[in-house]
């Protein structure tokens, strides 16, 4: 009697790693107005008015603050947009990015 075709099922598992997060950091300077920093935080980083004011004051008093943690592409895009707007308005707002 012929053997029936046997079907072998193979289970493949793969681990998908979460992408690294990158911190966007604002640095204090003596030229960029506080209101402008708050505006950037609200419109580019989508912070509430209260959160934007708190972050702006942290930058002002401590010299720098982490504004948010994002995937690399989003961190780069948001920081580039903020820097471009600051330069167009004549402000030297300094933004850096580092990996969490």
PDB file of N, CA and C in Angstrom:
ATOM      1  N   UNK A   1       0.832  -1.161   0.000  1.00  0.00           N
ATOM      2  CA  UNK A   1       0.000   0.000   0.000  1.00  0.00           C
ATOM      3  C   UNK A   1       0.896   1.250   0.000  1.00  0.00           C
ATOM      4  N   UNK A   2       0.667   2.184  -0.946  1.00  0.00           N
ATOM      5  CA  UNK A   2       1.519   3.373  -1.016  1.00  0.00           C
ATOM      6  C   UNK A   2       1.253   4.318   0.153  1.00  0.00           C
ATOM      7  N   UNK A   3       2.349   4.937   0.566  1.00  0.00           N
ATOM      8  CA  UNK A   3       2.250   5.908   1.657  1.00  0.00           C
ATOM      9  C   UNK A   3       1.637   7.198   1.162  1.00  0.00           C
ATOM     10  N   UNK A   4       0.783   7.750   1.974  1.00  0.00           N
ATOM     11  CA  UNK A   4       0.213   9.037   1.602  1.00  0.00           C
ATOM     12  C   UNK A   4       1.268  10.121   1.759  1.00  0.00           C
ATOM     13  N   UNK A   5       1.093  11.178   0.968  1.00  0.00           N
ATOM     14  CA  UNK A   5       2.011  12.312   1.111  1.00  0.00           C
ATOM     15  C   UNK A   5       1.855  12.909   2.505  1.00  0.00           C
ATOM     16  N   UNK A   6       2.966  13.072   3.138  1.00  0.00           N
ATOM     17  CA  UNK A   6       2.939  13.679   4.460  1.00  0.00           C
ATOM     18  C   UNK A   6       3.318  15.147   4.326  1.00  0.00           C
ATOM     19  N   UNK A   7       2.544  15.946   4.966  1.00  0.00           N
ATOM     20  CA  UNK A   7       2.811  17.385   4.947  1.00  0.00           C
ATOM     21  C   UNK A   7       3.504  17.743   6.247  1.00  0.00           C
ATOM     22  N   UNK A   8       4.625  18.355   6.092  1.00  0.00           N
ATOM     23  CA  UNK A   8       5.377  18.790   7.261  1.00  0.00           C
ATOM     24  C   UNK A   8       5.172  20.293   7.415  1.00  0.00           C
ATOM     25  N   UNK A   9       4.703  20.662   8.564  1.00  0.00           N
ATOM     26  CA  UNK A   9       4.523  22.080   8.835  1.00  0.00           C
ATOM     27  C   UNK A   9       5.692  22.547   9.681  1.00  0.00           C
ATOM     28  N   UNK A  10       6.202  23.668   9.281  1.00  0.00           N
ATOM     29  CA  UNK A  10       7.343  24.213   9.986  1.00  0.00           C
ATOM     30  C   UNK A  10       6.938  25.571  10.554  1.00  0.00           C
ATOM     31  N   UNK A  11       7.204  25.747  11.791  1.00  0.00           N
ATOM     32  CA  UNK A  11       6.883  27.023  12.422  1.00  0.00           C
ATOM     33  C   UNK A  11       8.140  27.894  12.433  1.00  0.00           C
ATOM     34  N   UNK A  12       7.982  29.040  11.856  1.00  0.00           N
ATOM     35  CA  UNK A  12       9.110  29.974  11.812  1.00  0.00           C
ATOM     36  C   UNK A  12       8.769  31.129  12.737  1.00  0.00           C
ATOM     37  N   UNK A  13       9.653  31.388  13.636  1.00  0.00           N
ATOM     38  CA  UNK A  13       9.451  32.530  14.525  1.00  0.00           C
ATOM     39  C   UNK A  13      10.568  33.527  14.280  1.00  0.00           C
ATOM     40  N   UNK A  14      10.181  34.750  14.324  1.00  0.00           N
ATOM     41  CA  UNK A  14      11.204  35.784  14.189  1.00  0.00           C
ATOM     42  C   UNK A  14      10.895  36.877  15.197  1.00  0.00           C
ATOM     43  N   UNK A  15      11.924  37.433  15.698  1.00  0.00           N
ATOM     44  CA  UNK A  15      11.773  38.489  16.688  1.00  0.00           C
ATOM     45  C   UNK A  15      11.963  39.826  15.985  1.00  0.00           C
ATOM     46  N   UNK A  16      10.981  40.670  16.142  1.00  0.00           N
ATOM     47  CA  UNK A  16      11.077  42.002  15.549  1.00  0.00           C
ATOM     48  C   UNK A  16      11.421  42.974  16.663  1.00  0.00           C
ATOM     49  N   UNK A  17      12.534  43.630  16.502  1.00  0.00           N
ATOM     50  CA  UNK A  17      12.969  44.599  17.505  1.00  0.00           C
ATOM     51  C   UNK A  17      12.291  45.935  17.280  1.00  0.00           C
ATOM     52  N   UNK A  18      11.929  46.575  18.367  1.00  0.00           N
ATOM     53  CA  UNK A  18      11.390  47.927  18.289  1.00  0.00           C
ATOM     54  C   UNK A  18      12.508  48.852  17.813  1.00  0.00           C
ATOM     55  N   UNK A  19      12.168  49.853  17.014  1.00  0.00           N
ATOM     56  CA  UNK A  19      13.210  50.785  16.588  1.00  0.00           C
ATOM     57  C   UNK A  19      13.715  51.594  17.783  1.00  0.00           C
ATOM     58  N   UNK A  20      14.961  51.982  17.716  1.00  0.00           N
ATOM     59  CA  UNK A  20      15.540  52.800  18.776  1.00  0.00           C
ATOM     60  C   UNK A  20      14.822  54.142  18.822  1.00  0.00           C
ATOM     61  N   UNK A  21      14.759  54.698  19.993  1.00  0.00           N
ATOM     62  CA  UNK A  21      14.188  56.029  20.167  1.00  0.00           C
ATOM     63  C   UNK A  21      15.335  57.026  20.304  1.00  0.00           C
ATOM     64  N   UNK A  22      15.068  58.239  19.833  1.00  0.00           N
ATOM     65  CA  UNK A  22      16.052  59.305  19.884  1.00  0.00           C
ATOM     66  C   UNK A  22      15.459  60.506  20.602  1.00  0.00           C
ATOM     67  N   UNK A  23      16.223  61.042  21.554  1.00  0.00           N
ATOM     68  CA  UNK A  23      15.792  62.211  22.302  1.00  0.00           C
ATOM     69  C   UNK A  23      16.082  63.475  21.504  1.00  0.00           C
ATOM     70  N   UNK A  24      15.101  64.361  21.442  1.00  0.00           N
ATOM     71  CA  UNK A  24      15.300  65.684  20.852  1.00  0.00           C
ATOM     72  C   UNK A  24      15.520  66.631  22.024  1.00  0.00           C
ATOM     73  N   UNK A  25      16.638  67.342  22.001  1.00  0.00           N
ATOM     74  CA  UNK A  25      17.045  68.197  23.116  1.00  0.00           C
ATOM     75  C   UNK A  25      17.158  69.643  22.655  1.00  0.00           C
ATOM     76  N   UNK A  26      16.495  70.544  23.376  1.00  0.00           N
ATOM     77  CA  UNK A  26      16.628  71.982  23.141  1.00  0.00           C
ATOM     78  C   UNK A  26      17.663  72.511  24.114  1.00  0.00           C
ATOM     79  N   UNK A  27      18.502  73.450  23.629  1.00  0.00           N
ATOM     80  CA  UNK A  27      19.533  74.068  24.450  1.00  0.00           C
ATOM     81  C   UNK A  27      19.232  75.554  24.613  1.00  0.00           C
ATOM     82  N   UNK A  28      19.526  76.061  25.786  1.00  0.00           N
ATOM     83  CA  UNK A  28      19.272  77.469  26.082  1.00  0.00           C
ATOM     84  C   UNK A  28      20.284  78.361  25.351  1.00  0.00           C
ATOM     85  N   UNK A  29      19.821  79.531  24.954  1.00  0.00           N
ATOM     86  CA  UNK A  29      20.709  80.571  24.431  1.00  0.00           C
ATOM     87  C   UNK A  29      20.150  81.907  24.907  1.00  0.00           C
ATOM     88  N   UNK A  30      20.917  82.962  24.718  1.00  0.00           N
ATOM     89  CA  UNK A  30      20.508  84.280  25.207  1.00  0.00           C
ATOM     90  C   UNK A  30      19.744  85.087  24.171  1.00  0.00           C
ATOM     91  N   UNK A  31      19.412  84.497  23.045  1.00  0.00           N
ATOM     92  CA  UNK A  31      18.822  85.271  21.956  1.00  0.00           C
ATOM     93  C   UNK A  31      17.429  84.808  21.528  1.00  0.00           C
ATOM     94  N   UNK A  32      17.147  83.530  21.612  1.00  0.00           N
ATOM     95  CA  UNK A  32      15.847  83.024  21.167  1.00  0.00           C
ATOM     96  C   UNK A  32      14.795  83.334  22.238  1.00  0.00           C
ATOM     97  N   UNK A  33      13.754  84.092  21.885  1.00  0.00           N
ATOM     98  CA  UNK A  33      12.737  84.459  22.881  1.00  0.00           C
ATOM     99  C   UNK A  33      11.974  83.234  23.402  1.00  0.00           C
ATOM    100  N   UNK A  34      11.575  83.326  24.661  1.00  0.00           N
ATOM    101  CA  UNK A  34      10.833  82.238  25.295  1.00  0.00           C
ATOM    102  C   UNK A  34       9.521  81.967  24.560  1.00  0.00           C
ATOM    103  N   UNK A  35       8.861  83.019  24.134  1.00  0.00           N
ATOM    104  CA  UNK A  35       7.595  82.853  23.413  1.00  0.00           C
ATOM    105  C   UNK A  35       7.795  82.085  22.106  1.00  0.00           C
ATOM    106  N   UNK A  36       8.922  82.337  21.445  1.00  0.00           N
ATOM    107  CA  UNK A  36       9.206  81.640  20.194  1.00  0.00           C
ATOM    108  C   UNK A  36       9.438  80.151  20.452  1.00  0.00           C
ATOM    109  N   UNK A  37      10.189  79.838  21.514  1.00  0.00           N
ATOM    110  CA  UNK A  37      10.444  78.439  21.865  1.00  0.00           C
ATOM    111  C   UNK A  37       9.118  77.730  22.169  1.00  0.00           C
ATOM    112  N   UNK A  38       8.254  78.396  22.921  1.00  0.00           N
ATOM    113  CA  UNK A  38       6.942  77.829  23.241  1.00  0.00           C
ATOM    114  C   UNK A  38       6.131  77.584  21.966  1.00  0.00           C
ATOM    115  N   UNK A  39       6.179  78.528  21.045  1.00  0.00           N
ATOM    116  CA  UNK A  39       5.466  78.384  19.770  1.00  0.00           C
ATOM    117  C   UNK A  39       5.960  77.157  18.997  1.00  0.00           C
ATOM    118  N   UNK A  40       7.272  76.987  18.919  1.00  0.00           N
ATOM    119  CA  UNK A  40       7.869  75.832  18.227  1.00  0.00           C
ATOM    120  C   UNK A  40       7.425  74.529  18.897  1.00  0.00           C
ATOM    121  N   UNK A  41       7.448  74.519  20.217  1.00  0.00           N
ATOM    122  CA  UNK A  41       7.045  73.315  20.947  1.00  0.00           C
ATOM    123  C   UNK A  41       5.587  72.962  20.692  1.00  0.00           C
ATOM    124  N   UNK A  42       4.750  73.958  20.574  1.00  0.00           N
ATOM    125  CA  UNK A  42       3.327  73.704  20.349  1.00  0.00           C
ATOM    126  C   UNK A  42       3.042  73.267  18.913  1.00  0.00           C
ATOM    127  N   UNK A  43       3.658  73.936  17.945  1.00  0.00           N
ATOM    128  CA  UNK A  43       3.288  73.694  16.552  1.00  0.00           C
ATOM    129  C   UNK A  43       4.061  72.568  15.876  1.00  0.00           C
ATOM    130  N   UNK A  44       5.296  72.365  16.246  1.00  0.00           N
ATOM    131  CA  UNK A  44       6.077  71.289  15.611  1.00  0.00           C
ATOM    132  C   UNK A  44       6.073  70.019  16.460  1.00  0.00           C
ATOM    133  N   UNK A  45       6.188  70.197  17.770  1.00  0.00           N
ATOM    134  CA  UNK A  45       6.274  69.032  18.649  1.00  0.00           C
ATOM    135  C   UNK A  45       4.924  68.678  19.284  1.00  0.00           C
ATOM    136  N   UNK A  46       3.883  69.441  18.926  1.00  0.00           N
ATOM    137  CA  UNK A  46       2.502  69.183  19.322  1.00  0.00           C
ATOM    138  C   UNK A  46       2.307  69.068  20.835  1.00  0.00           C
ATOM    139  N   UNK A  47       2.982  69.941  21.571  1.00  0.00           N
ATOM    140  CA  UNK A  47       2.828  69.992  23.023  1.00  0.00           C
ATOM    141  C   UNK A  47       1.651  70.898  23.372  1.00  0.00           C
ATOM    142  N   UNK A  48       1.014  70.613  24.488  1.00  0.00           N
ATOM    143  CA  UNK A  48      -0.044  71.502  24.968  1.00  0.00           C
ATOM    144  C   UNK A  48       0.607  72.813  25.420  1.00  0.00           C
ATOM    145  N   UNK A  49      -0.200  73.829  25.596  1.00  0.00           N
ATOM    146  CA  UNK A  49       0.351  75.124  26.026  1.00  0.00           C
ATOM    147  C   UNK A  49       1.080  74.985  27.359  1.00  0.00           C
ATOM    148  N   UNK A  50       0.482  74.282  28.279  1.00  0.00           N
ATOM    149  CA  UNK A  50       1.096  74.095  29.604  1.00  0.00           C
ATOM    150  C   UNK A  50       2.406  73.318  29.501  1.00  0.00           C
ATOM    151  N   UNK A  51       2.402  72.229  28.747  1.00  0.00           N
ATOM    152  CA  UNK A  51       3.604  71.411  28.595  1.00  0.00           C
ATOM    153  C   UNK A  51       4.702  72.196  27.885  1.00  0.00           C
ATOM    154  N   UNK A  52       4.332  72.969  26.871  1.00  0.00           N
ATOM    155  CA  UNK A  52       5.310  73.781  26.144  1.00  0.00           C
ATOM    156  C   UNK A  52       5.943  74.815  27.072  1.00  0.00           C
ATOM    157  N   UNK A  53       5.134  75.451  27.895  1.00  0.00           N
ATOM    158  CA  UNK A  53       5.670  76.449  28.840  1.00  0.00           C
ATOM    159  C   UNK A  53       6.586  75.790  29.866  1.00  0.00           C
ATOM    160  N   UNK A  54       6.196  74.635  30.373  1.00  0.00           N
ATOM    161  CA  UNK A  54       7.036  73.920  31.345  1.00  0.00           C
ATOM    162  C   UNK A  54       8.376  73.515  30.735  1.00  0.00           C
ATOM    163  N   UNK A  55       8.339  72.998  29.506  1.00  0.00           N
ATOM    164  CA  UNK A  55       9.590  72.609  28.836  1.00  0.00           C
ATOM    165  C   UNK A  55      10.464  73.816  28.548  1.00  0.00           C
ATOM    166  N   UNK A  56       9.848  74.911  28.097  1.00  0.00           N
ATOM    167  CA  UNK A  56      10.609  76.134  27.815  1.00  0.00           C
ATOM    168  C   UNK A  56      11.307  76.626  29.087  1.00  0.00           C
ATOM    169  N   UNK A  57      10.602  76.613  30.219  1.00  0.00           N
ATOM    170  CA  UNK A  57      11.202  77.057  31.481  1.00  0.00           C
ATOM    171  C   UNK A  57      12.312  76.114  31.934  1.00  0.00           C
ATOM    172  N   UNK A  58      12.143  74.831  31.689  1.00  0.00           N
ATOM    173  CA  UNK A  58      13.202  73.879  32.028  1.00  0.00           C
ATOM    174  C   UNK A  58      14.458  74.162  31.205  1.00  0.00           C
ATOM    175  N   UNK A  59      14.282  74.408  29.911  1.00  0.00           N
ATOM    176  CA  UNK A  59      15.422  74.765  29.053  1.00  0.00           C
ATOM    177  C   UNK A  59      16.078  76.029  29.590  1.00  0.00           C
ATOM    178  N   UNK A  60      15.275  77.018  29.930  1.00  0.00           N
ATOM    179  CA  UNK A  60      15.784  78.310  30.402  1.00  0.00           C
ATOM    180  C   UNK A  60      16.555  78.170  31.718  1.00  0.00           C
ATOM    181  N   UNK A  61      16.013  77.416  32.662  1.00  0.00           N
ATOM    182  CA  UNK A  61      16.630  77.326  33.996  1.00  0.00           C
ATOM    183  C   UNK A  61      17.746  76.286  34.084  1.00  0.00           C
ATOM    184  N   UNK A  62      17.616  75.187  33.334  1.00  0.00           N
ATOM    185  CA  UNK A  62      18.600  74.102  33.448  1.00  0.00           C
ATOM    186  C   UNK A  62      19.597  74.065  32.297  1.00  0.00           C
ATOM    187  N   UNK A  63      19.375  74.886  31.271  1.00  0.00           N
ATOM    188  CA  UNK A  63      20.311  74.935  30.150  1.00  0.00           C
ATOM    189  C   UNK A  63      19.946  74.037  28.985  1.00  0.00           C
ATOM    190  N   UNK A  64      19.153  73.006  29.266  1.00  0.00           N
ATOM    191  CA  UNK A  64      18.680  72.125  28.194  1.00  0.00           C
ATOM    192  C   UNK A  64      17.572  71.253  28.743  1.00  0.00           C
ATOM    193  N   UNK A  65      16.803  70.656  27.825  1.00  0.00           N
ATOM    194  CA  UNK A  65      15.731  69.746  28.223  1.00  0.00           C
ATOM    195  C   UNK A  65      15.411  68.803  27.079  1.00  0.00           C
ATOM    196  N   UNK A  66      15.040  67.575  27.437  1.00  0.00           N
ATOM    197  CA  UNK A  66      14.567  66.618  26.441  1.00  0.00           C
ATOM    198  C   UNK A  66      13.127  66.999  26.111  1.00  0.00           C
ATOM    199  N   UNK A  67      12.897  67.279  24.841  1.00  0.00           N
ATOM    200  CA  UNK A  67      11.587  67.713  24.375  1.00  0.00           C
ATOM    201  C   UNK A  67      10.689  66.515  24.084  1.00  0.00           C
ATOM    202  N   UNK A  68      11.283  65.426  23.631  1.00  0.00           N
ATOM    203  CA  UNK A  68      10.517  64.226  23.334  1.00  0.00           C
ATOM    204  C   UNK A  68      11.425  63.136  22.807  1.00  0.00           C
ATOM    205  N   UNK A  69      10.908  61.927  22.757  1.00  0.00           N
ATOM    206  CA  UNK A  69      11.641  60.776  22.213  1.00  0.00           C
ATOM    207  C   UNK A  69      10.849  60.223  21.041  1.00  0.00           C
ATOM    208  N   UNK A  70      11.539  60.068  19.917  1.00  0.00           N
ATOM    209  CA  UNK A  70      10.883  59.686  18.668  1.00  0.00           C
ATOM    210  C   UNK A  70      11.760  58.687  17.921  1.00  0.00           C
ATOM    211  N   UNK A  71      11.176  58.058  16.908  1.00  0.00           N
ATOM    212  CA  UNK A  71      12.000  57.254  16.010  1.00  0.00           C
ATOM    213  C   UNK A  71      12.968  58.208  15.309  1.00  0.00           C
ATOM    214  N   UNK A  72      14.020  57.666  14.732  1.00  0.00           N
ATOM    215  CA  UNK A  72      15.075  58.500  14.144  1.00  0.00           C
ATOM    216  C   UNK A  72      14.529  59.471  13.098  1.00  0.00           C
ATOM    217  N   UNK A  73      13.729  58.976  12.167  1.00  0.00           N
ATOM    218  CA  UNK A  73      13.223  59.827  11.087  1.00  0.00           C
ATOM    219  C   UNK A  73      12.361  60.971  11.611  1.00  0.00           C
ATOM    220  N   UNK A  74      11.511  60.667  12.573  1.00  0.00           N
ATOM    221  CA  UNK A  74      10.647  61.714  13.122  1.00  0.00           C
ATOM    222  C   UNK A  74      11.471  62.720  13.915  1.00  0.00           C
ATOM    223  N   UNK A  75      12.422  62.253  14.703  1.00  0.00           N
ATOM    224  CA  UNK A  75      13.284  63.159  15.467  1.00  0.00           C
ATOM    225  C   UNK A  75      14.051  64.092  14.527  1.00  0.00           C
ATOM    226  N   UNK A  76      14.590  63.544  13.458  1.00  0.00           N
ATOM    227  CA  UNK A  76      15.349  64.354  12.499  1.00  0.00           C
ATOM    228  C   UNK A  76      14.446  65.366  11.797  1.00  0.00           C
ATOM    229  N   UNK A  77      13.269  64.942  11.388  1.00  0.00           N
ATOM    230  CA  UNK A  77      12.354  65.835  10.677  1.00  0.00           C
ATOM    231  C   UNK A  77      11.881  66.967  11.570  1.00  0.00           C
ATOM    232  N   UNK A  78      11.465  66.650  12.787  1.00  0.00           N
ATOM    233  CA  UNK A  78      10.982  67.677  13.707  1.00  0.00           C
ATOM    234  C   UNK A  78      12.098  68.665  14.058  1.00  0.00           C
ATOM    235  N   UNK A  79      13.293  68.168  14.325  1.00  0.00           N
ATOM    236  CA  UNK A  79      14.385  69.069  14.685  1.00  0.00           C
ATOM    237  C   UNK A  79      14.804  69.933  13.495  1.00  0.00           C
ATOM    238  N   UNK A  80      14.801  69.364  12.291  1.00  0.00           N
ATOM    239  CA  UNK A  80      15.137  70.148  11.094  1.00  0.00           C
ATOM    240  C   UNK A  80      14.085  71.225  10.838  1.00  0.00           C
ATOM    241  N   UNK A  81      12.814  70.871  10.981  1.00  0.00           N
ATOM    242  CA  UNK A  81      11.745  71.858  10.796  1.00  0.00           C
ATOM    243  C   UNK A  81      11.884  72.998  11.801  1.00  0.00           C
ATOM    244  N   UNK A  82      12.114  72.659  13.074  1.00  0.00           N
ATOM    245  CA  UNK A  82      12.252  73.681  14.114  1.00  0.00           C
ATOM    246  C   UNK A  82      13.470  74.565  13.861  1.00  0.00           C
ATOM    247  N   UNK A  83      14.588  73.956  13.478  1.00  0.00           N
ATOM    248  CA  UNK A  83      15.797  74.724  13.197  1.00  0.00           C
ATOM    249  C   UNK A  83      15.589  75.655  12.009  1.00  0.00           C
ATOM    250  N   UNK A  84      14.956  75.169  10.955  1.00  0.00           N
ATOM    251  CA  UNK A  84      14.701  76.008   9.772  1.00  0.00           C
ATOM    252  C   UNK A  84      13.821  77.210  10.108  1.00  0.00           C
ATOM    253  N   UNK A  85      12.776  76.987  10.891  1.00  0.00           N
ATOM    254  CA  UNK A  85      11.903  78.099  11.272  1.00  0.00           C
ATOM    255  C   UNK A  85      12.664  79.101  12.142  1.00  0.00           C
ATOM    256  N   UNK A  86      13.473  78.592  13.056  1.00  0.00           N
ATOM    257  CA  UNK A  86      14.265  79.483  13.914  1.00  0.00           C
ATOM    258  C   UNK A  86      15.225  80.330  13.075  1.00  0.00           C
ATOM    259  N   UNK A  87      15.906  79.712  12.122  1.00  0.00           N
ATOM    260  CA  UNK A  87      16.863  80.453  11.287  1.00  0.00           C
ATOM    261  C   UNK A  87      16.151  81.496  10.424  1.00  0.00           C
ATOM    262  N   UNK A  88      15.001  81.142   9.887  1.00  0.00           N
ATOM    263  CA  UNK A  88      14.238  82.089   9.067  1.00  0.00           C
ATOM    264  C   UNK A  88      13.812  83.307   9.879  1.00  0.00           C
ATOM    265  N   UNK A  89      13.665  83.112  11.187  1.00  0.00           N
ATOM    266  CA  UNK A  89      13.279  84.210  12.068  1.00  0.00           C
ATOM    267  C   UNK A  89      14.479  84.856  12.756  1.00  0.00           C
ATOM    268  N   UNK A  90      15.678  84.428  12.380  1.00  0.00           N
ATOM    269  CA  UNK A  90      16.904  85.033  12.894  1.00  0.00           C
ATOM    270  C   UNK A  90      17.317  84.580  14.285  1.00  0.00           C
ATOM    271  N   UNK A  91      16.867  83.386  14.709  1.00  0.00           N
ATOM    272  CA  UNK A  91      17.200  82.902  16.046  1.00  0.00           C
ATOM    273  C   UNK A  91      18.154  81.711  15.965  1.00  0.00           C
ATOM    274  N   UNK A  92      19.106  81.647  16.919  1.00  0.00           N
ATOM    275  CA  UNK A  92      20.097  80.560  16.902  1.00  0.00           C
ATOM    276  C   UNK A  92      19.692  79.331  17.716  1.00  0.00           C
ATOM    277  N   UNK A  93      18.403  79.052  17.830  1.00  0.00           N
ATOM    278  CA  UNK A  93      17.934  77.915  18.625  1.00  0.00           C
ATOM    279  C   UNK A  93      18.750  76.669  18.284  1.00  0.00           C
ATOM    280  N   UNK A  94      19.337  76.067  19.310  1.00  0.00           N
ATOM    281  CA  UNK A  94      20.173  74.882  19.103  1.00  0.00           C
ATOM    282  C   UNK A  94      19.406  73.640  19.547  1.00  0.00           C
ATOM    283  N   UNK A  95      19.332  72.667  18.652  1.00  0.00           N
ATOM    284  CA  UNK A  95      18.639  71.408  18.920  1.00  0.00           C
ATOM    285  C   UNK A  95      19.592  70.266  18.606  1.00  0.00           C
ATOM    286  N   UNK A  96      19.701  69.331  19.516  1.00  0.00           N
ATOM    287  CA  UNK A  96      20.527  68.155  19.263  1.00  0.00           C
ATOM    288  C   UNK A  96      19.657  66.902  19.425  1.00  0.00           C
ATOM    289  N   UNK A  97      20.173  65.803  18.918  1.00  0.00           N
ATOM    290  CA  UNK A  97      19.490  64.519  19.011  1.00  0.00           C
ATOM    291  C   UNK A  97      20.490  63.491  19.522  1.00  0.00           C
ATOM    292  N   UNK A  98      20.043  62.670  20.483  1.00  0.00           N
ATOM    293  CA  UNK A  98      20.880  61.550  20.888  1.00  0.00           C
ATOM    294  C   UNK A  98      20.015  60.325  21.132  1.00  0.00           C
ATOM    295  N   UNK A  99      20.619  59.179  21.033  1.00  0.00           N
ATOM    296  CA  UNK A  99      19.888  57.926  21.195  1.00  0.00           C
ATOM    297  C   UNK A  99      19.617  57.693  22.672  1.00  0.00           C
ATOM    298  N   UNK A 100      18.425  57.215  22.976  1.00  0.00           N
ATOM    299  CA  UNK A 100      18.052  56.922  24.371  1.00  0.00           C
ATOM    300  C   UNK A 100      18.985  55.919  24.976  1.00  0.00           C
TER     301      UNK A 100
END
